[in-house]
Amino acid sequence: MNRKIFAQAIVNSDSLGVAESMQPVFHRLLSKLAQPGLLERSANGYRATDKFQVVAGSADEVLRSFISD
């Protein structure tokens, strides 16, 4: 998915097809991501913030560093 499209998308357990048994864990995860400002909660779900885009953009670098250490 294009990053800019994702940044504007509202995601929730239904839109991502999360199994009913996994929904409590899914909601806890999104809530934890919202605490440092990576996601914003809305009435219909969550939306990625600009901060999320920065963190996601550095994931390759962090993974390479983790593997090499």
N, C-alpha and C. Protein backbone atom coordinates (compact mmCIF):
# COMPACT_ATOMS: atom_id res chain seq x y z
N MET A 1 0.85 -1.19 0.00
CA MET A 1 0.00 0.00 0.00
C MET A 1 0.89 1.24 0.00
N ASN A 2 0.55 2.20 -0.78
CA ASN A 2 1.28 3.46 -0.85
C ASN A 2 1.28 4.11 0.53
N ARG A 3 2.45 4.58 0.98
CA ARG A 3 2.55 5.15 2.33
C ARG A 3 1.64 6.35 2.52
N LYS A 4 1.50 7.20 1.51
CA LYS A 4 0.64 8.37 1.67
C LYS A 4 -0.82 7.96 1.78
N ILE A 5 -1.22 6.95 1.05
CA ILE A 5 -2.60 6.46 1.16
C ILE A 5 -2.82 5.88 2.55
N PHE A 6 -1.84 5.07 3.03
CA PHE A 6 -1.97 4.48 4.36
C PHE A 6 -2.07 5.56 5.42
N ALA A 7 -1.31 6.62 5.27
CA ALA A 7 -1.33 7.69 6.26
C ALA A 7 -2.70 8.32 6.39
N GLN A 8 -3.47 8.30 5.33
CA GLN A 8 -4.80 8.90 5.35
C GLN A 8 -5.89 7.89 5.71
N ALA A 9 -5.57 6.61 5.66
CA ALA A 9 -6.57 5.56 5.88
C ALA A 9 -6.91 5.42 7.36
N ILE A 10 -8.16 5.16 7.61
CA ILE A 10 -8.61 4.80 8.96
C ILE A 10 -8.63 3.27 8.99
N VAL A 11 -7.91 2.71 9.95
CA VAL A 11 -7.86 1.26 10.08
C VAL A 11 -8.55 0.84 11.37
N ASN A 12 -9.16 -0.32 11.32
CA ASN A 12 -9.78 -0.92 12.49
C ASN A 12 -9.77 -2.43 12.31
N SER A 13 -10.24 -3.16 13.29
CA SER A 13 -10.18 -4.61 13.22
C SER A 13 -10.99 -5.17 12.05
N ASP A 14 -12.08 -4.52 11.71
CA ASP A 14 -12.89 -4.98 10.58
C ASP A 14 -12.18 -4.74 9.25
N SER A 15 -11.62 -3.54 9.08
CA SER A 15 -10.97 -3.22 7.80
C SER A 15 -9.74 -4.08 7.55
N LEU A 16 -9.11 -4.56 8.62
CA LEU A 16 -7.92 -5.39 8.48
C LEU A 16 -8.23 -6.88 8.60
N GLY A 17 -9.48 -7.23 8.86
CA GLY A 17 -9.88 -8.63 8.94
C GLY A 17 -9.32 -9.37 10.14
N VAL A 18 -9.24 -8.70 11.27
CA VAL A 18 -8.71 -9.32 12.49
C VAL A 18 -9.75 -10.30 13.04
N ALA A 19 -9.29 -11.52 13.32
CA ALA A 19 -10.18 -12.54 13.87
C ALA A 19 -10.76 -12.07 15.20
N GLU A 20 -11.97 -12.47 15.47
CA GLU A 20 -12.66 -12.04 16.70
C GLU A 20 -11.84 -12.38 17.95
N SER A 21 -11.22 -13.56 17.96
CA SER A 21 -10.45 -13.97 19.13
C SER A 21 -9.19 -13.12 19.34
N MET A 22 -8.72 -12.45 18.29
CA MET A 22 -7.52 -11.63 18.39
C MET A 22 -7.81 -10.14 18.57
N GLN A 23 -9.08 -9.76 18.57
CA GLN A 23 -9.43 -8.35 18.66
C GLN A 23 -8.98 -7.67 19.95
N PRO A 24 -9.07 -8.32 21.11
CA PRO A 24 -8.57 -7.64 22.32
C PRO A 24 -7.08 -7.30 22.22
N VAL A 25 -6.29 -8.22 21.69
CA VAL A 25 -4.85 -7.98 21.53
C VAL A 25 -4.62 -6.89 20.50
N PHE A 26 -5.35 -6.91 19.40
CA PHE A 26 -5.23 -5.90 18.35
C PHE A 26 -5.54 -4.51 18.91
N HIS A 27 -6.61 -4.40 19.67
CA HIS A 27 -6.98 -3.10 20.24
C HIS A 27 -5.94 -2.61 21.26
N ARG A 28 -5.38 -3.54 22.02
CA ARG A 28 -4.33 -3.18 22.96
C ARG A 28 -3.10 -2.66 22.22
N LEU A 29 -2.73 -3.34 21.13
CA LEU A 29 -1.58 -2.92 20.33
C LEU A 29 -1.78 -1.51 19.77
N LEU A 30 -2.94 -1.26 19.16
CA LEU A 30 -3.19 0.06 18.59
C LEU A 30 -3.24 1.13 19.67
N SER A 31 -3.78 0.79 20.82
CA SER A 31 -3.82 1.74 21.93
C SER A 31 -2.40 2.08 22.37
N LYS A 32 -1.53 1.07 22.45
CA LYS A 32 -0.13 1.30 22.84
C LYS A 32 0.59 2.16 21.79
N LEU A 33 0.29 1.97 20.51
CA LEU A 33 0.90 2.78 19.46
C LEU A 33 0.38 4.22 19.47
N ALA A 34 -0.81 4.40 19.99
CA ALA A 34 -1.39 5.75 20.07
C ALA A 34 -0.77 6.55 21.22
N GLN A 35 -0.33 5.88 22.28
CA GLN A 35 0.20 6.59 23.44
C GLN A 35 1.39 7.49 23.11
N PRO A 36 2.38 7.02 22.32
CA PRO A 36 3.49 7.92 21.97
C PRO A 36 3.19 8.79 20.75
N GLY A 37 1.97 8.73 20.26
CA GLY A 37 1.60 9.60 19.14
C GLY A 37 1.84 9.02 17.76
N LEU A 38 2.02 7.69 17.67
CA LEU A 38 2.21 7.07 16.37
C LEU A 38 0.89 6.91 15.61
N LEU A 39 -0.19 6.75 16.35
CA LEU A 39 -1.54 6.65 15.77
C LEU A 39 -2.45 7.66 16.45
N GLU A 40 -3.47 8.08 15.73
CA GLU A 40 -4.53 8.94 16.30
C GLU A 40 -5.81 8.15 16.28
N ARG A 41 -6.51 8.16 17.39
CA ARG A 41 -7.79 7.46 17.48
C ARG A 41 -8.89 8.35 16.93
N SER A 42 -9.80 7.75 16.18
CA SER A 42 -10.99 8.45 15.69
C SER A 42 -12.20 7.61 16.06
N ALA A 43 -13.37 8.09 15.72
CA ALA A 43 -14.59 7.35 16.04
C ALA A 43 -14.64 6.00 15.33
N ASN A 44 -13.99 5.91 14.16
CA ASN A 44 -14.07 4.68 13.35
C ASN A 44 -12.84 3.79 13.44
N GLY A 45 -11.80 4.22 14.14
CA GLY A 45 -10.58 3.43 14.22
C GLY A 45 -9.37 4.29 14.50
N TYR A 46 -8.28 3.99 13.84
CA TYR A 46 -7.03 4.71 14.04
C TYR A 46 -6.46 5.16 12.70
N ARG A 47 -5.69 6.25 12.75
CA ARG A 47 -5.01 6.77 11.57
C ARG A 47 -3.55 7.01 11.93
N ALA A 48 -2.65 6.64 11.02
CA ALA A 48 -1.22 6.86 11.25
C ALA A 48 -0.92 8.36 11.24
N THR A 49 -0.03 8.78 12.12
CA THR A 49 0.38 10.18 12.20
C THR A 49 1.67 10.37 11.40
N ASP A 50 2.09 11.62 11.27
CA ASP A 50 3.37 11.91 10.61
C ASP A 50 4.52 11.25 11.37
N LYS A 51 4.41 11.20 12.68
CA LYS A 51 5.44 10.56 13.51
C LYS A 51 5.56 9.08 13.15
N PHE A 52 4.43 8.42 12.90
CA PHE A 52 4.43 7.01 12.49
C PHE A 52 5.21 6.85 11.19
N GLN A 53 5.00 7.77 10.25
CA GLN A 53 5.67 7.70 8.95
C GLN A 53 7.19 7.79 9.12
N VAL A 54 7.65 8.64 10.03
CA VAL A 54 9.09 8.78 10.28
C VAL A 54 9.64 7.49 10.87
N VAL A 55 8.95 6.95 11.88
CA VAL A 55 9.41 5.73 12.54
C VAL A 55 9.39 4.57 11.55
N ALA A 56 8.34 4.43 10.78
CA ALA A 56 8.24 3.35 9.80
C ALA A 56 9.32 3.48 8.74
N GLY A 57 9.65 4.70 8.36
CA GLY A 57 10.68 4.93 7.36
C GLY A 57 12.06 4.53 7.82
N SER A 58 12.29 4.51 9.13
CA SER A 58 13.60 4.13 9.65
C SER A 58 13.66 2.65 10.03
N ALA A 59 12.62 1.91 9.79
CA ALA A 59 12.57 0.51 10.21
C ALA A 59 13.66 -0.33 9.55
N ASP A 60 13.94 -0.12 8.27
CA ASP A 60 14.98 -0.88 7.59
C ASP A 60 16.33 -0.68 8.27
N GLU A 61 16.64 0.56 8.59
CA GLU A 61 17.92 0.88 9.24
C GLU A 61 18.00 0.22 10.61
N VAL A 62 16.94 0.27 11.38
CA VAL A 62 16.91 -0.32 12.72
C VAL A 62 17.07 -1.84 12.62
N LEU A 63 16.39 -2.45 11.67
CA LEU A 63 16.47 -3.90 11.49
C LEU A 63 17.89 -4.31 11.10
N ARG A 64 18.51 -3.57 10.16
CA ARG A 64 19.88 -3.89 9.77
C ARG A 64 20.82 -3.78 10.97
N SER A 65 20.65 -2.76 11.78
CA SER A 65 21.48 -2.58 12.95
C SER A 65 21.28 -3.72 13.94
N PHE A 66 20.04 -4.12 14.14
CA PHE A 66 19.73 -5.22 15.07
C PHE A 66 20.37 -6.52 14.60
N ILE A 67 20.26 -6.81 13.31
CA ILE A 67 20.82 -8.05 12.78
C ILE A 67 22.33 -8.06 12.84
N SER A 68 22.96 -6.94 12.58
CA SER A 68 24.42 -6.89 12.56
C SER A 68 25.04 -6.91 13.96
N ASP A 69 24.27 -6.56 14.97
CA ASP A 69 24.79 -6.54 16.35
C ASP A 69 24.75 -7.88 16.97
